Amino acid sequence: FSFRNSLVADAYMRLCTEFNKWEWDFKKEMYTWVTTAETRISNFGTVA
């Protein structure tokens, strides 16, 4: 990694933090969807 000054390093650190938030949101939404899908599969064939 090459940083010309502390502003570039700070921007990179903030970008990494933001990317981690995006990644976490993505994982959370996919986990929620998968859990719902598993529930629908488990309930397949029930009277309701």
All heavy atoms as atom14 arrays in JSON, in Angstrom:
{
  "sequence": "FSFRNSLVADAYMRLCTEFNKWEWDFKKEMYTWVTTAETRISNFGTVA",
  "atom14_mask": [
    [1, 1, 1, 1, 1, 1, 1, 1, 1, 1, 1, 0, 0, 0],
    [1, 1, 1, 1, 1, 1, 0, 0, 0, 0, 0, 0, 0, 0],
    [1, 1, 1, 1, 1, 1, 1, 1, 1, 1, 1, 0, 0, 0],
    [1, 1, 1, 1, 1, 1, 1, 1, 1, 1, 1, 0, 0, 0],
    [1, 1, 1, 1, 1, 1, 1, 1, 0, 0, 0, 0, 0, 0],
    [1, 1, 1, 1, 1, 1, 0, 0, 0, 0, 0, 0, 0, 0],
    [1, 1, 1, 1, 1, 1, 1, 1, 0, 0, 0, 0, 0, 0],
    [1, 1, 1, 1, 1, 1, 1, 0, 0, 0, 0, 0, 0, 0],
    [1, 1, 1, 1, 1, 0, 0, 0, 0, 0, 0, 0, 0, 0],
    [1, 1, 1, 1, 1, 1, 1, 1, 0, 0, 0, 0, 0, 0],
    [1, 1, 1, 1, 1, 0, 0, 0, 0, 0, 0, 0, 0, 0],
    [1, 1, 1, 1, 1, 1, 1, 1, 1, 1, 1, 1, 0, 0],
    [1, 1, 1, 1, 1, 1, 1, 1, 0, 0, 0, 0, 0, 0],
    [1, 1, 1, 1, 1, 1, 1, 1, 1, 1, 1, 0, 0, 0],
    [1, 1, 1, 1, 1, 1, 1, 1, 0, 0, 0, 0, 0, 0],
    [1, 1, 1, 1, 1, 1, 0, 0, 0, 0, 0, 0, 0, 0],
    [1, 1, 1, 1, 1, 1, 1, 0, 0, 0, 0, 0, 0, 0],
    [1, 1, 1, 1, 1, 1, 1, 1, 1, 0, 0, 0, 0, 0],
    [1, 1, 1, 1, 1, 1, 1, 1, 1, 1, 1, 0, 0, 0],
    [1, 1, 1, 1, 1, 1, 1, 1, 0, 0, 0, 0, 0, 0],
    [1, 1, 1, 1, 1, 1, 1, 1, 1, 0, 0, 0, 0, 0],
    [1, 1, 1, 1, 1, 1, 1, 1, 1, 1, 1, 1, 1, 1],
    [1, 1, 1, 1, 1, 1, 1, 1, 1, 0, 0, 0, 0, 0],
    [1, 1, 1, 1, 1, 1, 1, 1, 1, 1, 1, 1, 1, 1],
    [1, 1, 1, 1, 1, 1, 1, 1, 0, 0, 0, 0, 0, 0],
    [1, 1, 1, 1, 1, 1, 1, 1, 1, 1, 1, 0, 0, 0],
    [1, 1, 1, 1, 1, 1, 1, 1, 1, 0, 0, 0, 0, 0],
    [1, 1, 1, 1, 1, 1, 1, 1, 1, 0, 0, 0, 0, 0],
    [1, 1, 1, 1, 1, 1, 1, 1, 1, 0, 0, 0, 0, 0],
    [1, 1, 1, 1, 1, 1, 1, 1, 0, 0, 0, 0, 0, 0],
    [1, 1, 1, 1, 1, 1, 1, 1, 1, 1, 1, 1, 0, 0],
    [1, 1, 1, 1, 1, 1, 1, 0, 0, 0, 0, 0, 0, 0],
    [1, 1, 1, 1, 1, 1, 1, 1, 1, 1, 1, 1, 1, 1],
    [1, 1, 1, 1, 1, 1, 1, 0, 0, 0, 0, 0, 0, 0],
    [1, 1, 1, 1, 1, 1, 1, 0, 0, 0, 0, 0, 0, 0],
    [1, 1, 1, 1, 1, 1, 1, 0, 0, 0, 0, 0, 0, 0],
    [1, 1, 1, 1, 1, 0, 0, 0, 0, 0, 0, 0, 0, 0],
    [1, 1, 1, 1, 1, 1, 1, 1, 1, 0, 0, 0, 0, 0],
    [1, 1, 1, 1, 1, 1, 1, 0, 0, 0, 0, 0, 0, 0],
    [1, 1, 1, 1, 1, 1, 1, 1, 1, 1, 1, 0, 0, 0],
    [1, 1, 1, 1, 1, 1, 1, 1, 0, 0, 0, 0, 0, 0],
    [1, 1, 1, 1, 1, 1, 0, 0, 0, 0, 0, 0, 0, 0],
    [1, 1, 1, 1, 1, 1, 1, 1, 0, 0, 0, 0, 0, 0],
    [1, 1, 1, 1, 1, 1, 1, 1, 1, 1, 1, 0, 0, 0],
    [1, 1, 1, 1, 0, 0, 0, 0, 0, 0, 0, 0, 0, 0],
    [1, 1, 1, 1, 1, 1, 1, 0, 0, 0, 0, 0, 0, 0],
    [1, 1, 1, 1, 1, 1, 1, 0, 0, 0, 0, 0, 0, 0],
    [1, 1, 1, 1, 1, 0, 0, 0, 0, 0, 0, 0, 0, 0]
  ],
  "atom14_positions": [
    [[0.85, -1.18, 0.0], [0.0, 0.0, 0.0], [0.89, 1.23, 0.0], [1.86, 1.31, 0.74], [-0.9, 0.04, 1.24], [-1.89, -1.08, 1.26], [-1.73, -2.14, 2.12], [-2.97, -1.06, 0.41], [-2.65, -3.16, 2.14], [-3.9, -2.08, 0.42], [-3.73, -3.15, 1.29], [0.0, 0.0, 0.0], [0.0, 0.0, 0.0], [0.0, 0.0, 0.0]],
    [[0.54, 2.19, -0.82], [1.33, 3.41, -0.9], [0.42, 4.6, -0.57], [-0.57, 4.84, -1.24], [1.9, 3.57, -2.31], [2.59, 4.78, -2.42], [0.0, 0.0, 0.0], [0.0, 0.0, 0.0], [0.0, 0.0, 0.0], [0.0, 0.0, 0.0], [0.0, 0.0, 0.0], [0.0, 0.0, 0.0], [0.0, 0.0, 0.0], [0.0, 0.0, 0.0]],
    [[0.78, 5.33, 0.48], [0.0, 6.5, 0.87], [0.92, 7.72, 0.81], [1.97, 7.74, 1.42], [-0.54, 6.34, 2.29], [-1.43, 5.14, 2.44], [-1.05, 4.09, 3.24], [-2.64, 5.07, 1.78], [-1.87, 2.98, 3.38], [-3.47, 3.98, 1.91], [-3.08, 2.93, 2.71], [0.0, 0.0, 0.0], [0.0, 0.0, 0.0], [0.0, 0.0, 0.0]],
    [[0.51, 8.72, 0.06], [1.33, 9.92, -0.09], [1.28, 10.79, 1.16], [2.22, 11.49, 1.46], [0.87, 10.73, -1.3], [1.13, 10.03, -2.6], [2.61, 10.0, -2.88], [2.88, 9.05, -3.94], [3.96, 8.33, -4.03], [4.9, 8.42, -3.14], [4.12, 7.49, -5.02], [0.0, 0.0, 0.0], [0.0, 0.0, 0.0], [0.0, 0.0, 0.0]],
    [[0.17, 10.77, 1.87], [0.08, 11.57, 3.08], [-1.0, 11.0, 3.99], [-1.65, 10.02, 3.65], [-0.19, 13.05, 2.75], [-1.45, 13.22, 1.94], [-2.44, 12.53, 2.16], [-1.42, 14.14, 0.99], [0.0, 0.0, 0.0], [0.0, 0.0, 0.0], [0.0, 0.0, 0.0], [0.0, 0.0, 0.0], [0.0, 0.0, 0.0], [0.0, 0.0, 0.0]],
    [[-1.17, 11.62, 5.12], [-2.14, 11.1, 6.1], [-3.58, 11.23, 5.61], [-4.44, 10.45, 6.01], [-1.96, 11.82, 7.43], [-2.2, 13.2, 7.28], [0.0, 0.0, 0.0], [0.0, 0.0, 0.0], [0.0, 0.0, 0.0], [0.0, 0.0, 0.0], [0.0, 0.0, 0.0], [0.0, 0.0, 0.0], [0.0, 0.0, 0.0], [0.0, 0.0, 0.0]],
    [[-3.87, 12.2, 4.73], [-5.23, 12.33, 4.2], [-5.61, 11.12, 3.35], [-6.73, 10.63, 3.42], [-5.35, 13.61, 3.37], [-5.23, 14.92, 4.13], [-5.28, 16.11, 3.17], [-6.34, 15.03, 5.16], [0.0, 0.0, 0.0], [0.0, 0.0, 0.0], [0.0, 0.0, 0.0], [0.0, 0.0, 0.0], [0.0, 0.0, 0.0], [0.0, 0.0, 0.0]],
    [[-4.66, 10.64, 2.54], [-4.91, 9.46, 1.71], [-5.11, 8.24, 2.59], [-6.01, 7.43, 2.37], [-3.76, 9.25, 0.7], [-3.96, 7.97, -0.09], [-3.64, 10.44, -0.23], [0.0, 0.0, 0.0], [0.0, 0.0, 0.0], [0.0, 0.0, 0.0], [0.0, 0.0, 0.0], [0.0, 0.0, 0.0], [0.0, 0.0, 0.0], [0.0, 0.0, 0.0]],
    [[-4.28, 8.1, 3.61], [-4.4, 6.96, 4.53], [-5.73, 7.02, 5.26], [-6.4, 5.99, 5.42], [-3.24, 6.97, 5.53], [0.0, 0.0, 0.0], [0.0, 0.0, 0.0], [0.0, 0.0, 0.0], [0.0, 0.0, 0.0], [0.0, 0.0, 0.0], [0.0, 0.0, 0.0], [0.0, 0.0, 0.0], [0.0, 0.0, 0.0], [0.0, 0.0, 0.0]],
    [[-6.15, 8.22, 5.67], [-7.42, 8.37, 6.36], [-8.59, 8.03, 5.43], [-9.54, 7.34, 5.83], [-7.56, 9.8, 6.89], [-8.83, 9.99, 7.69], [-9.06, 9.2, 8.63], [-9.59, 10.92, 7.37], [0.0, 0.0, 0.0], [0.0, 0.0, 0.0], [0.0, 0.0, 0.0], [0.0, 0.0, 0.0], [0.0, 0.0, 0.0], [0.0, 0.0, 0.0]],
    [[-8.5, 8.49, 4.19], [-9.56, 8.18, 3.22], [-9.64, 6.68, 2.98], [-10.74, 6.12, 2.89], [-9.3, 8.92, 1.9], [0.0, 0.0, 0.0], [0.0, 0.0, 0.0], [0.0, 0.0, 0.0], [0.0, 0.0, 0.0], [0.0, 0.0, 0.0], [0.0, 0.0, 0.0], [0.0, 0.0, 0.0], [0.0, 0.0, 0.0], [0.0, 0.0, 0.0]],
    [[-8.5, 6.02, 2.87], [-8.48, 4.57, 2.68], [-9.1, 3.86, 3.88], [-9.89, 2.93, 3.71], [-7.04, 4.09, 2.47], [-6.94, 2.6, 2.28], [-7.25, 2.01, 1.07], [-6.53, 1.78, 3.33], [-7.17, 0.64, 0.9], [-6.45, 0.42, 3.17], [-6.76, -0.15, 1.96], [-6.68, -1.5, 1.79], [0.0, 0.0, 0.0], [0.0, 0.0, 0.0]],
    [[-8.78, 4.32, 5.08], [-9.33, 3.71, 6.29], [-10.85, 3.89, 6.33], [-11.59, 2.95, 6.66], [-8.68, 4.32, 7.53], [-9.07, 3.63, 8.83], [-8.16, 4.23, 10.26], [-8.68, 5.92, 10.32], [0.0, 0.0, 0.0], [0.0, 0.0, 0.0], [0.0, 0.0, 0.0], [0.0, 0.0, 0.0], [0.0, 0.0, 0.0], [0.0, 0.0, 0.0]],
    [[-11.34, 5.07, 5.97], [-12.79, 5.31, 5.96], [-13.47, 4.47, 4.89], [-14.57, 3.95, 5.11], [-13.09, 6.79, 5.75], [-12.9, 7.59, 7.05], [-13.37, 9.02, 6.92], [-12.28, 9.79, 6.31], [-12.43, 10.65, 5.3], [-13.62, 10.89, 4.81], [-11.41, 11.28, 4.8], [0.0, 0.0, 0.0], [0.0, 0.0, 0.0], [0.0, 0.0, 0.0]],
    [[-12.81, 4.31, 3.73], [-13.36, 3.48, 2.67], [-13.47, 2.01, 3.13], [-14.48, 1.36, 2.89], [-12.5, 3.56, 1.41], [-12.95, 2.7, 0.24], [-14.33, 3.13, -0.25], [-11.94, 2.78, -0.89], [0.0, 0.0, 0.0], [0.0, 0.0, 0.0], [0.0, 0.0, 0.0], [0.0, 0.0, 0.0], [0.0, 0.0, 0.0], [0.0, 0.0, 0.0]],
    [[-12.45, 1.53, 3.81], [-12.48, 0.15, 4.34], [-13.61, -0.01, 5.35], [-14.32, -1.02, 5.34], [-11.14, -0.22, 4.99], [-9.83, -0.5, 3.8], [0.0, 0.0, 0.0], [0.0, 0.0, 0.0], [0.0, 0.0, 0.0], [0.0, 0.0, 0.0], [0.0, 0.0, 0.0], [0.0, 0.0, 0.0], [0.0, 0.0, 0.0], [0.0, 0.0, 0.0]],
    [[-13.79, 0.97, 6.21], [-14.87, 0.92, 7.2], [-16.22, 0.89, 6.5], [-17.1, 0.09, 6.86], [-14.79, 2.14, 8.13], [-13.51, 2.16, 8.76], [-15.88, 2.11, 9.18], [0.0, 0.0, 0.0], [0.0, 0.0, 0.0], [0.0, 0.0, 0.0], [0.0, 0.0, 0.0], [0.0, 0.0, 0.0], [0.0, 0.0, 0.0], [0.0, 0.0, 0.0]],
    [[-16.39, 1.73, 5.5], [-17.66, 1.78, 4.76], [-17.89, 0.47, 4.02], [-19.01, -0.06, 4.01], [-17.62, 2.96, 3.77], [-18.97, 3.43, 3.32], [-19.85, 3.94, 4.46], [-19.34, 4.51, 5.44], [-21.07, 3.75, 4.35], [0.0, 0.0, 0.0], [0.0, 0.0, 0.0], [0.0, 0.0, 0.0], [0.0, 0.0, 0.0], [0.0, 0.0, 0.0]],
    [[-16.84, -0.07, 3.41], [-16.98, -1.34, 2.7], [-17.39, -2.46, 3.65], [-18.23, -3.29, 3.31], [-15.66, -1.72, 2.01], [-15.74, -3.05, 1.29], [-16.35, -3.14, 0.06], [-15.23, -4.18, 1.88], [-16.44, -4.36, -0.59], [-15.31, -5.41, 1.24], [-15.91, -5.49, -0.01], [0.0, 0.0, 0.0], [0.0, 0.0, 0.0], [0.0, 0.0, 0.0]],
    [[-16.82, -2.48, 4.86], [-17.2, -3.49, 5.85], [-18.68, -3.36, 6.24], [-19.35, -4.37, 6.44], [-16.31, -3.4, 7.09], [-14.93, -3.92, 6.82], [-14.71, -4.74, 5.95], [-13.96, -3.43, 7.57], [0.0, 0.0, 0.0], [0.0, 0.0, 0.0], [0.0, 0.0, 0.0], [0.0, 0.0, 0.0], [0.0, 0.0, 0.0], [0.0, 0.0, 0.0]],
    [[-19.17, -2.12, 6.32], [-20.6, -1.92, 6.61], [-21.45, -2.48, 5.48], [-22.46, -3.15, 5.72], [-20.91, -0.43, 6.79], [-20.41, 0.16, 8.08], [-20.75, 1.65, 8.12], [-20.08, 2.34, 9.28], [-20.3, 3.79, 9.24], [0.0, 0.0, 0.0], [0.0, 0.0, 0.0], [0.0, 0.0, 0.0], [0.0, 0.0, 0.0], [0.0, 0.0, 0.0]],
    [[-21.06, -2.2, 4.22], [-21.82, -2.7, 3.07], [-21.82, -4.23, 3.06], [-22.84, -4.85, 2.81], [-21.22, -2.2, 1.77], [-21.23, -0.72, 1.58], [-22.05, 0.2, 2.18], [-20.36, 0.02, 0.74], [-21.74, 1.45, 1.76], [-20.71, 1.39, 0.87], [-19.32, -0.32, -0.12], [-20.07, 2.39, 0.16], [-18.67, 0.68, -0.83], [-19.04, 2.01, -0.68]],
    [[-20.65, -4.79, 3.33], [-20.53, -6.25, 3.34], [-21.42, -6.85, 4.44], [-22.1, -7.85, 4.22], [-19.07, -6.64, 3.56], [-18.81, -8.13, 3.49], [-17.35, -8.48, 3.71], [-16.66, -7.78, 4.48], [-16.91, -9.47, 3.12], [0.0, 0.0, 0.0], [0.0, 0.0, 0.0], [0.0, 0.0, 0.0], [0.0, 0.0, 0.0], [0.0, 0.0, 0.0]],
    [[-21.43, -6.23, 5.61], [-22.25, -6.72, 6.71], [-23.73, -6.63, 6.37], [-24.5, -7.56, 6.62], [-21.94, -5.95, 7.99], [-22.83, -6.34, 9.11], [-23.83, -5.59, 9.66], [-22.85, -7.58, 9.82], [-24.46, -6.28, 10.66], [-23.88, -7.51, 10.78], [-22.09, -8.74, 9.74], [-24.17, -8.55, 11.65], [-22.38, -9.78, 10.6], [-23.4, -9.68, 11.54]],
    [[-24.15, -5.5, 5.78], [-25.55, -5.35, 5.37], [-25.94, -6.42, 4.35], [-27.02, -7.0, 4.43], [-25.81, -3.96, 4.78], [-25.79, -2.86, 5.84], [-25.92, -3.19, 7.04], [-25.64, -1.68, 5.46], [0.0, 0.0, 0.0], [0.0, 0.0, 0.0], [0.0, 0.0, 0.0], [0.0, 0.0, 0.0], [0.0, 0.0, 0.0], [0.0, 0.0, 0.0]],
    [[-25.05, -6.67, 3.4], [-25.31, -7.7, 2.38], [-25.47, -9.07, 3.03], [-26.44, -9.79, 2.76], [-24.16, -7.73, 1.37], [-24.27, -8.85, 0.38], [-25.13, -8.76, -0.69], [-23.5, -9.99, 0.52], [-25.23, -9.79, -1.61], [-23.6, -11.04, -0.38], [-24.47, -10.93, -1.46], [0.0, 0.0, 0.0], [0.0, 0.0, 0.0], [0.0, 0.0, 0.0]],
    [[-24.54, -9.43, 3.92], [-24.62, -10.73, 4.6], [-25.89, -10.84, 5.44], [-26.53, -11.89, 5.46], [-23.39, -10.94, 5.48], [-22.13, -11.24, 4.71], [-20.95, -11.43, 5.64], [-19.68, -11.74, 4.89], [-18.54, -11.93, 5.78], [0.0, 0.0, 0.0], [0.0, 0.0, 0.0], [0.0, 0.0, 0.0], [0.0, 0.0, 0.0], [0.0, 0.0, 0.0]],
    [[-26.24, -9.75, 6.12], [-27.43, -9.77, 6.97], [-28.7, -9.98, 6.14], [-29.54, -10.81, 6.48], [-27.51, -8.46, 7.76], [-28.64, -8.43, 8.78], [-28.56, -7.19, 9.63], [-29.1, -6.01, 8.87], [-29.23, -4.79, 9.65], [0.0, 0.0, 0.0], [0.0, 0.0, 0.0], [0.0, 0.0, 0.0], [0.0, 0.0, 0.0], [0.0, 0.0, 0.0]],
    [[-28.81, -9.24, 5.02], [-29.99, -9.38, 4.18], [-30.07, -10.77, 3.56], [-31.15, -11.36, 3.48], [-30.0, -8.31, 3.09], [-30.32, -6.93, 3.65], [-30.55, -5.9, 2.57], [-31.27, -6.22, 1.59], [-30.02, -4.79, 2.7], [0.0, 0.0, 0.0], [0.0, 0.0, 0.0], [0.0, 0.0, 0.0], [0.0, 0.0, 0.0], [0.0, 0.0, 0.0]],
    [[-28.93, -11.31, 3.12], [-28.93, -12.66, 2.54], [-29.26, -13.71, 3.61], [-29.98, -14.66, 3.34], [-27.6, -12.97, 1.87], [-27.42, -12.28, 0.54], [-28.8, -12.47, -0.63], [-28.88, -14.22, -0.84], [0.0, 0.0, 0.0], [0.0, 0.0, 0.0], [0.0, 0.0, 0.0], [0.0, 0.0, 0.0], [0.0, 0.0, 0.0], [0.0, 0.0, 0.0]],
    [[-28.75, -13.54, 4.81], [-29.04, -14.48, 5.89], [-30.54, -14.47, 6.2], [-31.15, -15.52, 6.38], [-28.23, -14.14, 7.14], [-28.53, -15.05, 8.3], [-27.98, -16.32, 8.36], [-29.38, -14.66, 9.33], [-28.27, -17.19, 9.41], [-29.68, -15.5, 10.38], [-29.11, -16.76, 10.42], [-29.41, -17.61, 11.46], [0.0, 0.0, 0.0], [0.0, 0.0, 0.0]],
    [[-31.12, -13.28, 6.23], [-32.56, -13.16, 6.48], [-33.35, -13.87, 5.38], [-34.29, -14.62, 5.66], [-32.98, -11.68, 6.55], [-32.22, -11.05, 7.59], [-34.45, -11.52, 6.84], [0.0, 0.0, 0.0], [0.0, 0.0, 0.0], [0.0, 0.0, 0.0], [0.0, 0.0, 0.0], [0.0, 0.0, 0.0], [0.0, 0.0, 0.0], [0.0, 0.0, 0.0]],
    [[-32.96, -13.65, 4.12], [-33.66, -14.29, 3.02], [-33.52, -15.82, 3.09], [-34.5, -16.54, 2.91], [-33.14, -13.78, 1.67], [-33.92, -14.38, 0.54], [-35.09, -13.92, 0.02], [-33.62, -15.58, -0.16], [-35.54, -14.76, -0.96], [-34.65, -15.79, -1.1], [-32.59, -16.5, -0.09], [-34.67, -16.88, -1.96], [-32.61, -17.59, -0.96], [-33.64, -17.78, -1.87]],
    [[-32.3, -16.31, 3.34], [-32.07, -17.75, 3.43], [-32.88, -18.36, 4.56], [-33.48, -19.43, 4.4], [-30.56, -18.06, 3.58], [-30.33, -19.51, 3.98], [-29.82, -17.75, 2.3], [0.0, 0.0, 0.0], [0.0, 0.0, 0.0], [0.0, 0.0, 0.0], [0.0, 0.0, 0.0], [0.0, 0.0, 0.0], [0.0, 0.0, 0.0], [0.0, 0.0, 0.0]],
    [[-32.94, -17.7, 5.7], [-33.73, -18.2, 6.83], [-35.21, -18.3, 6.46], [-35.86, -19.3, 6.76], [-33.55, -17.28, 8.05], [-32.16, -17.19, 8.36], [-34.29, -17.82, 9.26], [0.0, 0.0, 0.0], [0.0, 0.0, 0.0], [0.0, 0.0, 0.0], [0.0, 0.0, 0.0], [0.0, 0.0, 0.0], [0.0, 0.0, 0.0], [0.0, 0.0, 0.0]],
    [[-35.72, -17.28, 5.79], [-37.11, -17.3, 5.34], [-37.34, -18.44, 4.35], [-38.35, -19.15, 4.43], [-37.49, -15.94, 4.71], [-37.21, -14.91, 5.64], [-38.95, -15.9, 4.31], [0.0, 0.0, 0.0], [0.0, 0.0, 0.0], [0.0, 0.0, 0.0], [0.0, 0.0, 0.0], [0.0, 0.0, 0.0], [0.0, 0.0, 0.0], [0.0, 0.0, 0.0]],
    [[-36.41, -18.61, 3.41], [-36.53, -19.69, 2.43], [-36.51, -21.06, 3.1], [-37.28, -21.95, 2.73], [-35.42, -19.58, 1.39], [0.0, 0.0, 0.0], [0.0, 0.0, 0.0], [0.0, 0.0, 0.0], [0.0, 0.0, 0.0], [0.0, 0.0, 0.0], [0.0, 0.0, 0.0], [0.0, 0.0, 0.0], [0.0, 0.0, 0.0], [0.0, 0.0, 0.0]],
    [[-35.62, -21.24, 4.07], [-35.56, -22.51, 4.81], [-36.88, -22.78, 5.53], [-37.36, -23.93, 5.56], [-34.41, -22.51, 5.8], [-33.05, -22.66, 5.17], [-31.9, -22.53, 6.17], [-32.12, -22.04, 7.31], [-30.78, -22.93, 5.81], [0.0, 0.0, 0.0], [0.0, 0.0, 0.0], [0.0, 0.0, 0.0], [0.0, 0.0, 0.0], [0.0, 0.0, 0.0]],
    [[-37.47, -21.75, 6.1], [-38.75, -21.9, 6.79], [-39.83, -22.31, 5.8], [-40.64, -23.21, 6.08], [-39.15, -20.59, 7.49], [-38.11, -20.21, 8.38], [-40.46, -20.73, 8.23], [0.0, 0.0, 0.0], [0.0, 0.0, 0.0], [0.0, 0.0, 0.0], [0.0, 0.0, 0.0], [0.0, 0.0, 0.0], [0.0, 0.0, 0.0], [0.0, 0.0, 0.0]],
    [[-39.84, -21.68, 4.63], [-40.83, -22.04, 3.61], [-40.66, -23.48, 3.14], [-41.65, -24.2, 2.95], [-40.73, -21.08, 2.42], [-41.28, -19.7, 2.75], [-40.96, -18.65, 1.74], [-41.45, -18.97, 0.41], [-41.12, -18.26, -0.66], [-40.32, -17.2, -0.55], [-41.59, -18.58, -1.84], [0.0, 0.0, 0.0], [0.0, 0.0, 0.0], [0.0, 0.0, 0.0]],
    [[-39.41, -23.92, 3.0], [-39.16, -25.3, 2.59], [-39.59, -26.26, 3.7], [-40.21, -27.3, 3.44], [-37.67, -25.5, 2.23], [-37.34, -24.75, 0.94], [-37.35, -26.98, 2.08], [-35.87, -24.67, 0.62], [0.0, 0.0, 0.0], [0.0, 0.0, 0.0], [0.0, 0.0, 0.0], [0.0, 0.0, 0.0], [0.0, 0.0, 0.0], [0.0, 0.0, 0.0]],
    [[-39.27, -25.91, 4.94], [-39.66, -26.76, 6.07], [-41.17, -26.88, 6.2], [-41.7, -27.92, 6.58], [-39.1, -26.2, 7.38], [-37.7, -26.22, 7.36], [0.0, 0.0, 0.0], [0.0, 0.0, 0.0], [0.0, 0.0, 0.0], [0.0, 0.0, 0.0], [0.0, 0.0, 0.0], [0.0, 0.0, 0.0], [0.0, 0.0, 0.0], [0.0, 0.0, 0.0]],
    [[-41.88, -25.81, 5.88], [-43.34, -25.8, 6.0], [-44.05, -26.38, 4.78], [-45.26, -26.47, 4.76], [-43.85, -24.37, 6.24], [-43.46, -23.86, 7.6], [-43.2, -24.63, 8.52], [-43.42, -22.54, 7.74], [0.0, 0.0, 0.0], [0.0, 0.0, 0.0], [0.0, 0.0, 0.0], [0.0, 0.0, 0.0], [0.0, 0.0, 0.0], [0.0, 0.0, 0.0]],
    [[-43.27, -26.76, 3.77], [-43.88, -27.3, 2.55], [-44.67, -28.57, 2.89], [-44.19, -29.46, 3.57], [-42.8, -27.63, 1.52], [-43.36, -28.2, 0.25], [-44.0, -27.38, -0.65], [-43.27, -29.57, -0.02], [-44.53, -27.9, -1.82], [-43.81, -30.09, -1.18], [-44.43, -29.25, -2.08], [0.0, 0.0, 0.0], [0.0, 0.0, 0.0], [0.0, 0.0, 0.0]],
    [[-45.9, -28.61, 2.4], [-46.74, -29.77, 2.62], [-47.62, -29.69, 3.83], [-48.46, -30.56, 4.04], [0.0, 0.0, 0.0], [0.0, 0.0, 0.0], [0.0, 0.0, 0.0], [0.0, 0.0, 0.0], [0.0, 0.0, 0.0], [0.0, 0.0, 0.0], [0.0, 0.0, 0.0], [0.0, 0.0, 0.0], [0.0, 0.0, 0.0], [0.0, 0.0, 0.0]],
    [[-47.45, -28.68, 4.66], [-48.34, -28.54, 5.82], [-49.69, -28.03, 5.35], [-49.84, -27.51, 4.24], [-47.76, -27.57, 6.87], [-47.63, -26.28, 6.29], [-46.43, -28.06, 7.4], [0.0, 0.0, 0.0], [0.0, 0.0, 0.0], [0.0, 0.0, 0.0], [0.0, 0.0, 0.0], [0.0, 0.0, 0.0], [0.0, 0.0, 0.0], [0.0, 0.0, 0.0]],
    [[-50.67, -28.16, 6.18], [-52.04, -27.79, 5.84], [-52.14, -26.31, 5.48], [-52.81, -25.92, 4.53], [-53.0, -28.13, 7.01], [-54.41, -27.68, 6.7], [-52.95, -29.61, 7.31], [0.0, 0.0, 0.0], [0.0, 0.0, 0.0], [0.0, 0.0, 0.0], [0.0, 0.0, 0.0], [0.0, 0.0, 0.0], [0.0, 0.0, 0.0], [0.0, 0.0, 0.0]],
    [[-51.46, -25.46, 6.22], [-51.55, -24.01, 6.01], [-50.96, -23.6, 4.67], [-51.39, -22.62, 4.07], [-50.83, -23.28, 7.14], [0.0, 0.0, 0.0], [0.0, 0.0, 0.0], [0.0, 0.0, 0.0], [0.0, 0.0, 0.0], [0.0, 0.0, 0.0], [0.0, 0.0, 0.0], [0.0, 0.0, 0.0], [0.0, 0.0, 0.0], [0.0, 0.0, 0.0]]
  ]
}
